[in-house]
Amino acid sequence: MHVTKFPKASWIITVHGATDGSNKTGAPTLVNDFFVTSTNTVTSIRIPKGLKLRILDLEFLCGGYMTDWRIDYTLDITAGSPTWVPILDNANVQRLYSKMQKLVVGPSLDGKLAIRFFWTQVTQDDDSKVNATIELYEDKDE
């Protein structure tokens, strides 16, 4: 019997975000050509059911003051106030990506899993940015 294997589905997107200049903490609005909302306030990335998320490239650009960036996840983005749990901070980002390892989140079992970027800074006028290349993919071998 001949069995045809189908290729794994994969989508790669690049997102950009920045601190807002008026708060000492927050999640940046993420910008990408695929994100279209009526309010222009995409602050998290929801992982579709059955898919994983892998951050292929990650860059934090800090302005004049130190900004601490981290990556959080929630198991239920549909909740009124999602519970966000930190999974990666500045120090660990440098260690992880200097070894060419990649952060993988998922698989999303019910389509409610999501990640966000979050900042904390000493002064709210610091202009800091995050750039990330993200892959959403299915891993049929696991």
N, C-alpha and C. Protein backbone atom coordinates (compact mmCIF):
# COMPACT_ATOMS: atom_id res chain seq x y z
N MET A 1 0.84 -1.17 0.00
CA MET A 1 0.00 0.00 0.00
C MET A 1 0.89 1.25 0.00
N HIS A 2 0.56 2.20 -0.84
CA HIS A 2 1.30 3.46 -0.92
C HIS A 2 0.59 4.51 -0.06
N VAL A 3 1.33 5.11 0.83
CA VAL A 3 0.78 6.16 1.69
C VAL A 3 1.40 7.49 1.29
N THR A 4 0.55 8.46 0.97
CA THR A 4 1.02 9.78 0.60
C THR A 4 1.13 10.64 1.84
N LYS A 5 2.32 11.20 2.06
CA LYS A 5 2.50 12.12 3.17
C LYS A 5 2.28 13.54 2.67
N PHE A 6 1.46 14.28 3.38
CA PHE A 6 1.22 15.67 3.02
C PHE A 6 2.22 16.55 3.74
N PRO A 7 2.63 17.65 3.12
CA PRO A 7 3.58 18.53 3.78
C PRO A 7 2.95 19.18 5.01
N LYS A 8 3.80 19.51 5.95
CA LYS A 8 3.33 20.20 7.15
C LYS A 8 2.97 21.64 6.78
N ALA A 9 1.89 22.12 7.38
CA ALA A 9 1.49 23.51 7.16
C ALA A 9 2.38 24.42 8.00
N SER A 10 2.74 25.57 7.45
CA SER A 10 3.61 26.51 8.15
C SER A 10 3.33 27.92 7.65
N TRP A 11 3.23 28.85 8.59
CA TRP A 11 3.03 30.27 8.25
C TRP A 11 4.07 31.06 9.01
N ILE A 12 4.79 31.93 8.31
CA ILE A 12 5.81 32.76 8.95
C ILE A 12 5.37 34.21 8.84
N ILE A 13 5.37 34.89 9.99
CA ILE A 13 4.99 36.30 10.03
C ILE A 13 6.05 37.07 10.82
N THR A 14 6.19 38.33 10.50
CA THR A 14 7.07 39.22 11.24
C THR A 14 6.20 40.26 11.93
N VAL A 15 6.45 40.46 13.21
CA VAL A 15 5.69 41.45 13.97
C VAL A 15 6.65 42.49 14.56
N HIS A 16 6.14 43.68 14.71
CA HIS A 16 6.88 44.79 15.30
C HIS A 16 6.00 45.42 16.37
N GLY A 17 6.61 45.85 17.47
CA GLY A 17 5.87 46.54 18.51
C GLY A 17 6.78 47.52 19.21
N ALA A 18 6.19 48.45 19.96
CA ALA A 18 6.98 49.46 20.67
C ALA A 18 6.29 49.86 21.96
N THR A 19 7.11 50.35 22.89
CA THR A 19 6.53 50.91 24.12
C THR A 19 5.69 52.12 23.73
N ASP A 20 4.74 52.49 24.58
CA ASP A 20 3.80 53.56 24.19
C ASP A 20 4.22 54.96 24.61
N GLY A 21 5.30 55.10 25.39
CA GLY A 21 5.78 56.42 25.77
C GLY A 21 5.02 57.06 26.91
N SER A 22 3.97 56.41 27.42
CA SER A 22 3.19 57.03 28.49
C SER A 22 3.01 56.11 29.71
N ASN A 23 3.47 54.86 29.64
CA ASN A 23 3.35 53.93 30.76
C ASN A 23 4.70 53.29 31.05
N LYS A 24 4.87 52.82 32.29
CA LYS A 24 6.10 52.14 32.67
C LYS A 24 6.03 50.64 32.40
N THR A 25 4.83 50.11 32.17
CA THR A 25 4.66 48.69 31.85
C THR A 25 3.57 48.56 30.80
N GLY A 26 3.60 47.46 30.07
CA GLY A 26 2.53 47.24 29.12
C GLY A 26 2.88 46.23 28.05
N ALA A 27 1.87 45.87 27.27
CA ALA A 27 2.06 44.99 26.12
C ALA A 27 1.96 45.86 24.87
N PRO A 28 2.95 45.80 23.99
CA PRO A 28 2.92 46.67 22.81
C PRO A 28 1.86 46.25 21.80
N THR A 29 1.35 47.22 21.08
CA THR A 29 0.49 46.90 19.94
C THR A 29 1.39 46.31 18.86
N LEU A 30 1.02 45.12 18.38
CA LEU A 30 1.82 44.43 17.37
C LEU A 30 1.34 44.81 15.98
N VAL A 31 2.29 45.10 15.11
CA VAL A 31 1.98 45.54 13.76
C VAL A 31 2.46 44.49 12.77
N ASN A 32 1.59 44.16 11.82
CA ASN A 32 1.90 43.22 10.75
C ASN A 32 0.85 43.43 9.67
N ASP A 33 1.21 43.20 8.42
CA ASP A 33 0.26 43.40 7.32
C ASP A 33 -0.97 42.50 7.42
N PHE A 34 -0.86 41.36 8.10
CA PHE A 34 -1.98 40.43 8.20
C PHE A 34 -2.96 40.78 9.32
N PHE A 35 -2.53 41.61 10.27
CA PHE A 35 -3.38 41.94 11.40
C PHE A 35 -4.30 43.10 11.01
N VAL A 36 -5.57 42.82 10.92
CA VAL A 36 -6.54 43.86 10.59
C VAL A 36 -7.62 43.83 11.66
N THR A 37 -7.71 44.89 12.43
CA THR A 37 -8.76 45.00 13.44
C THR A 37 -9.38 46.38 13.36
N SER A 38 -10.56 46.52 13.90
CA SER A 38 -11.22 47.83 13.88
C SER A 38 -10.55 48.79 14.85
N THR A 39 -9.87 48.27 15.87
CA THR A 39 -9.26 49.14 16.87
C THR A 39 -7.74 49.26 16.73
N ASN A 40 -7.14 48.45 15.85
CA ASN A 40 -5.68 48.44 15.67
C ASN A 40 -4.93 48.14 16.95
N THR A 41 -5.46 47.27 17.78
CA THR A 41 -4.82 46.96 19.05
C THR A 41 -4.57 45.46 19.21
N VAL A 42 -3.77 44.89 18.35
CA VAL A 42 -3.37 43.50 18.50
C VAL A 42 -2.21 43.47 19.48
N THR A 43 -2.41 42.86 20.66
CA THR A 43 -1.35 42.82 21.67
C THR A 43 -0.90 41.40 21.99
N SER A 44 -1.54 40.41 21.38
CA SER A 44 -1.14 39.02 21.62
C SER A 44 -1.32 38.22 20.33
N ILE A 45 -0.70 37.05 20.31
CA ILE A 45 -0.81 36.18 19.14
C ILE A 45 -1.44 34.88 19.61
N ARG A 46 -2.64 34.59 19.09
CA ARG A 46 -3.36 33.38 19.45
C ARG A 46 -2.89 32.24 18.54
N ILE A 47 -2.61 31.10 19.15
CA ILE A 47 -2.10 29.95 18.40
C ILE A 47 -3.29 29.06 18.03
N PRO A 48 -3.56 28.89 16.75
CA PRO A 48 -4.70 28.07 16.33
C PRO A 48 -4.60 26.63 16.85
N LYS A 49 -5.76 26.02 17.03
CA LYS A 49 -5.84 24.65 17.54
C LYS A 49 -4.98 23.71 16.71
N GLY A 50 -4.16 22.90 17.40
CA GLY A 50 -3.32 21.92 16.75
C GLY A 50 -1.98 22.44 16.26
N LEU A 51 -1.76 23.75 16.34
CA LEU A 51 -0.50 24.31 15.86
C LEU A 51 0.43 24.66 17.01
N LYS A 52 1.71 24.81 16.68
CA LYS A 52 2.72 25.30 17.60
C LYS A 52 3.19 26.65 17.09
N LEU A 53 3.81 27.40 17.99
CA LEU A 53 4.40 28.68 17.64
C LEU A 53 5.89 28.59 17.94
N ARG A 54 6.70 29.01 16.98
CA ARG A 54 8.15 29.03 17.19
C ARG A 54 8.64 30.44 16.85
N ILE A 55 9.41 31.03 17.75
CA ILE A 55 10.00 32.34 17.48
C ILE A 55 11.36 32.10 16.83
N LEU A 56 11.43 32.41 15.54
CA LEU A 56 12.64 32.14 14.76
C LEU A 56 13.72 33.19 14.98
N ASP A 57 13.30 34.43 15.15
CA ASP A 57 14.25 35.52 15.35
C ASP A 57 13.61 36.53 16.29
N LEU A 58 14.41 37.09 17.17
CA LEU A 58 13.88 38.00 18.18
C LEU A 58 14.88 39.10 18.44
N GLU A 59 14.41 40.35 18.42
CA GLU A 59 15.28 41.49 18.63
C GLU A 59 14.58 42.51 19.50
N PHE A 60 15.25 42.91 20.59
CA PHE A 60 14.75 43.97 21.44
C PHE A 60 15.66 45.17 21.26
N LEU A 61 15.09 46.32 20.93
CA LEU A 61 15.85 47.55 20.73
C LEU A 61 15.45 48.53 21.81
N CYS A 62 16.40 48.91 22.67
CA CYS A 62 16.10 49.81 23.77
C CYS A 62 16.57 51.21 23.44
N GLY A 63 15.81 52.19 23.90
CA GLY A 63 16.15 53.60 23.70
C GLY A 63 17.19 54.05 24.71
N GLY A 64 17.01 55.23 25.26
CA GLY A 64 17.98 55.81 26.18
C GLY A 64 18.05 55.14 27.54
N TYR A 65 16.98 54.54 28.00
CA TYR A 65 16.94 53.91 29.31
C TYR A 65 16.76 52.40 29.15
N MET A 66 17.02 51.68 30.20
CA MET A 66 16.87 50.22 30.16
C MET A 66 15.40 49.83 30.17
N THR A 67 15.03 48.99 29.24
CA THR A 67 13.69 48.42 29.19
C THR A 67 13.83 46.91 29.31
N ASP A 68 13.11 46.34 30.24
CA ASP A 68 13.10 44.88 30.39
C ASP A 68 11.94 44.34 29.60
N TRP A 69 12.22 43.45 28.66
CA TRP A 69 11.20 42.79 27.86
C TRP A 69 11.06 41.35 28.34
N ARG A 70 9.88 40.81 28.19
CA ARG A 70 9.68 39.39 28.46
C ARG A 70 8.58 38.87 27.54
N ILE A 71 8.48 37.55 27.46
CA ILE A 71 7.42 36.90 26.69
C ILE A 71 6.55 36.14 27.68
N ASP A 72 5.25 36.34 27.60
CA ASP A 72 4.28 35.67 28.47
C ASP A 72 3.39 34.76 27.64
N TYR A 73 2.76 33.79 28.29
CA TYR A 73 1.74 32.97 27.64
C TYR A 73 0.50 32.91 28.52
N THR A 74 -0.62 32.62 27.90
CA THR A 74 -1.86 32.34 28.62
C THR A 74 -2.49 31.10 28.01
N LEU A 75 -3.13 30.32 28.84
CA LEU A 75 -3.82 29.12 28.35
C LEU A 75 -5.22 29.43 27.84
N ASP A 76 -5.75 30.63 28.19
CA ASP A 76 -7.10 30.99 27.75
C ASP A 76 -7.20 32.46 27.40
N ILE A 77 -6.91 32.77 26.15
CA ILE A 77 -6.98 34.15 25.68
C ILE A 77 -8.42 34.65 25.60
N THR A 78 -9.39 33.73 25.65
CA THR A 78 -10.80 34.13 25.56
C THR A 78 -11.36 34.59 26.90
N ALA A 79 -10.62 34.39 27.99
CA ALA A 79 -11.08 34.82 29.31
C ALA A 79 -11.18 36.34 29.36
N GLY A 80 -12.06 36.85 30.17
CA GLY A 80 -12.22 38.30 30.31
C GLY A 80 -10.92 38.98 30.70
N SER A 81 -10.20 38.41 31.65
CA SER A 81 -8.88 38.88 32.07
C SER A 81 -7.94 37.67 32.06
N PRO A 82 -7.28 37.41 30.94
CA PRO A 82 -6.40 36.23 30.86
C PRO A 82 -5.30 36.26 31.91
N THR A 83 -4.94 35.11 32.42
CA THR A 83 -3.82 34.98 33.34
C THR A 83 -2.56 34.79 32.51
N TRP A 84 -1.65 35.76 32.61
CA TRP A 84 -0.41 35.72 31.83
C TRP A 84 0.72 35.19 32.70
N VAL A 85 1.49 34.26 32.15
CA VAL A 85 2.61 33.64 32.87
C VAL A 85 3.89 33.91 32.09
N PRO A 86 4.92 34.49 32.74
CA PRO A 86 6.18 34.74 32.04
C PRO A 86 6.88 33.44 31.65
N ILE A 87 7.41 33.39 30.43
CA ILE A 87 8.17 32.21 30.01
C ILE A 87 9.59 32.56 29.57
N LEU A 88 9.85 33.82 29.26
CA LEU A 88 11.18 34.20 28.81
C LEU A 88 11.40 35.68 29.10
N ASP A 89 12.56 36.01 29.72
CA ASP A 89 12.87 37.41 30.01
C ASP A 89 14.14 37.82 29.28
N ASN A 90 14.55 39.08 29.45
CA ASN A 90 15.72 39.62 28.75
C ASN A 90 16.95 38.73 28.85
N ALA A 91 17.33 38.36 30.07
CA ALA A 91 18.56 37.59 30.27
C ALA A 91 18.48 36.25 29.56
N ASN A 92 17.35 35.59 29.66
CA ASN A 92 17.20 34.28 29.03
C ASN A 92 17.07 34.37 27.52
N VAL A 93 16.53 35.47 27.01
CA VAL A 93 16.44 35.66 25.56
C VAL A 93 17.85 35.67 24.97
N GLN A 94 18.75 36.44 25.59
CA GLN A 94 20.12 36.52 25.09
C GLN A 94 20.80 35.16 25.13
N ARG A 95 20.59 34.42 26.21
CA ARG A 95 21.20 33.10 26.35
C ARG A 95 20.63 32.12 25.32
N LEU A 96 19.32 32.13 25.15
CA LEU A 96 18.64 31.20 24.24
C LEU A 96 19.04 31.44 22.80
N TYR A 97 18.99 32.70 22.37
CA TYR A 97 19.23 33.00 20.96
C TYR A 97 20.72 33.06 20.61
N SER A 98 21.59 33.24 21.60
CA SER A 98 23.03 33.18 21.31
C SER A 98 23.45 31.74 21.03
N LYS A 99 22.67 30.77 21.52
CA LYS A 99 22.96 29.36 21.26
C LYS A 99 22.16 28.84 20.07
N MET A 100 21.50 29.72 19.36
CA MET A 100 20.71 29.39 18.18
C MET A 100 19.56 28.41 18.49
N GLN A 101 19.09 28.43 19.72
CA GLN A 101 17.90 27.66 20.07
C GLN A 101 16.69 28.53 19.82
N LYS A 102 15.54 27.93 19.67
CA LYS A 102 14.34 28.69 19.38
C LYS A 102 13.26 28.37 20.41
N LEU A 103 12.52 29.39 20.82
CA LEU A 103 11.42 29.20 21.76
C LEU A 103 10.25 28.58 21.02
N VAL A 104 9.74 27.46 21.54
CA VAL A 104 8.57 26.80 20.96
C VAL A 104 7.47 26.77 22.01
N VAL A 105 6.26 27.19 21.61
CA VAL A 105 5.10 27.17 22.49
C VAL A 105 4.02 26.32 21.83
N GLY A 106 3.43 25.41 22.59
CA GLY A 106 2.34 24.61 22.05
C GLY A 106 2.67 23.14 22.08
N PRO A 107 1.83 22.34 21.51
CA PRO A 107 0.73 22.72 20.62
C PRO A 107 -0.48 23.27 21.38
N SER A 108 -1.25 24.07 20.68
CA SER A 108 -2.48 24.60 21.24
C SER A 108 -3.56 23.52 21.13
N LEU A 109 -4.02 23.03 22.25
CA LEU A 109 -4.98 21.93 22.25
C LEU A 109 -6.41 22.37 21.95
N ASP A 110 -6.73 23.63 22.30
CA ASP A 110 -8.11 24.09 22.10
C ASP A 110 -8.21 25.43 21.37
N GLY A 111 -7.09 25.95 20.89
CA GLY A 111 -7.11 27.21 20.17
C GLY A 111 -7.17 28.44 21.07
N LYS A 112 -6.97 28.26 22.37
CA LYS A 112 -7.02 29.39 23.30
C LYS A 112 -5.64 29.83 23.80
N LEU A 113 -4.61 29.10 23.42
CA LEU A 113 -3.25 29.41 23.84
C LEU A 113 -2.77 30.65 23.09
N ALA A 114 -2.09 31.55 23.80
CA ALA A 114 -1.59 32.78 23.17
C ALA A 114 -0.31 33.24 23.85
N ILE A 115 0.47 34.04 23.14
CA ILE A 115 1.65 34.69 23.72
C ILE A 115 1.51 36.19 23.55
N ARG A 116 2.29 36.91 24.34
CA ARG A 116 2.41 38.36 24.18
C ARG A 116 3.81 38.77 24.59
N PHE A 117 4.21 39.93 24.13
CA PHE A 117 5.43 40.57 24.58
C PHE A 117 5.01 41.59 25.63
N PHE A 118 5.86 41.81 26.64
CA PHE A 118 5.51 42.73 27.73
C PHE A 118 6.76 43.48 28.15
N TRP A 119 6.62 44.77 28.45
CA TRP A 119 7.77 45.56 28.85
C TRP A 119 7.58 46.15 30.24
N THR A 120 8.73 46.41 30.89
CA THR A 120 8.80 47.16 32.14
C THR A 120 9.99 48.09 31.99
N GLN A 121 9.81 49.37 32.34
CA GLN A 121 10.91 50.31 32.22
C GLN A 121 10.93 51.29 33.38
N VAL A 122 12.08 51.88 33.61
CA VAL A 122 12.26 52.81 34.72
C VAL A 122 11.50 54.10 34.47
N THR A 123 11.56 54.61 33.26
CA THR A 123 10.86 55.84 32.92
C THR A 123 9.99 55.60 31.69
N GLN A 124 8.81 56.17 31.70
CA GLN A 124 7.84 55.86 30.64
C GLN A 124 8.13 56.56 29.31
N ASP A 125 9.16 57.38 29.23
CA ASP A 125 9.42 58.05 27.96
C ASP A 125 10.48 57.34 27.12
N ASP A 126 10.89 56.16 27.56
CA ASP A 126 11.87 55.40 26.79
C ASP A 126 11.20 54.83 25.54
N ASP A 127 11.88 54.95 24.41
CA ASP A 127 11.35 54.44 23.14
C ASP A 127 12.03 53.13 22.82
N SER A 128 11.39 52.01 23.17
CA SER A 128 11.96 50.69 22.94
C SER A 128 11.07 49.89 22.00
N LYS A 129 11.69 48.97 21.29
CA LYS A 129 10.95 48.22 20.27
C LYS A 129 11.23 46.74 20.37
N VAL A 130 10.30 45.94 19.84
CA VAL A 130 10.51 44.50 19.70
C VAL A 130 10.21 44.13 18.25
N ASN A 131 11.06 43.29 17.68
CA ASN A 131 10.84 42.74 16.34
C ASN A 131 10.97 41.22 16.46
N ALA A 132 10.03 40.50 15.90
CA ALA A 132 10.08 39.04 15.99
C ALA A 132 9.60 38.41 14.70
N THR A 133 10.27 37.35 14.31
CA THR A 133 9.82 36.52 13.20
C THR A 133 9.27 35.25 13.82
N ILE A 134 8.00 34.98 13.55
CA ILE A 134 7.27 33.91 14.21
C ILE A 134 6.75 32.91 13.19
N GLU A 135 6.87 31.65 13.53
CA GLU A 135 6.33 30.59 12.67
C GLU A 135 5.20 29.89 13.41
N LEU A 136 4.06 29.78 12.76
CA LEU A 136 2.97 28.94 13.24
C LEU A 136 3.00 27.70 12.38
N TYR A 137 3.04 26.52 13.02
CA TYR A 137 3.22 25.31 12.22
C TYR A 137 2.57 24.12 12.89
N GLU A 138 2.31 23.11 12.08
CA GLU A 138 1.84 21.84 12.63
C GLU A 138 2.98 20.85 12.58
N ASP A 139 3.09 20.08 13.63
CA ASP A 139 4.16 19.11 13.74
C ASP A 139 3.56 17.72 13.76
N LYS A 140 3.41 17.14 12.60
CA LYS A 140 2.72 15.85 12.48
C LYS A 140 3.57 14.68 12.96
N ASP A 141 4.86 14.91 13.17
CA ASP A 141 5.74 13.81 13.60
C ASP A 141 5.66 13.55 15.09
N GLU A 142 5.07 14.45 15.84
CA GLU A 142 5.02 14.29 17.29
C GLU A 142 3.70 13.70 17.74
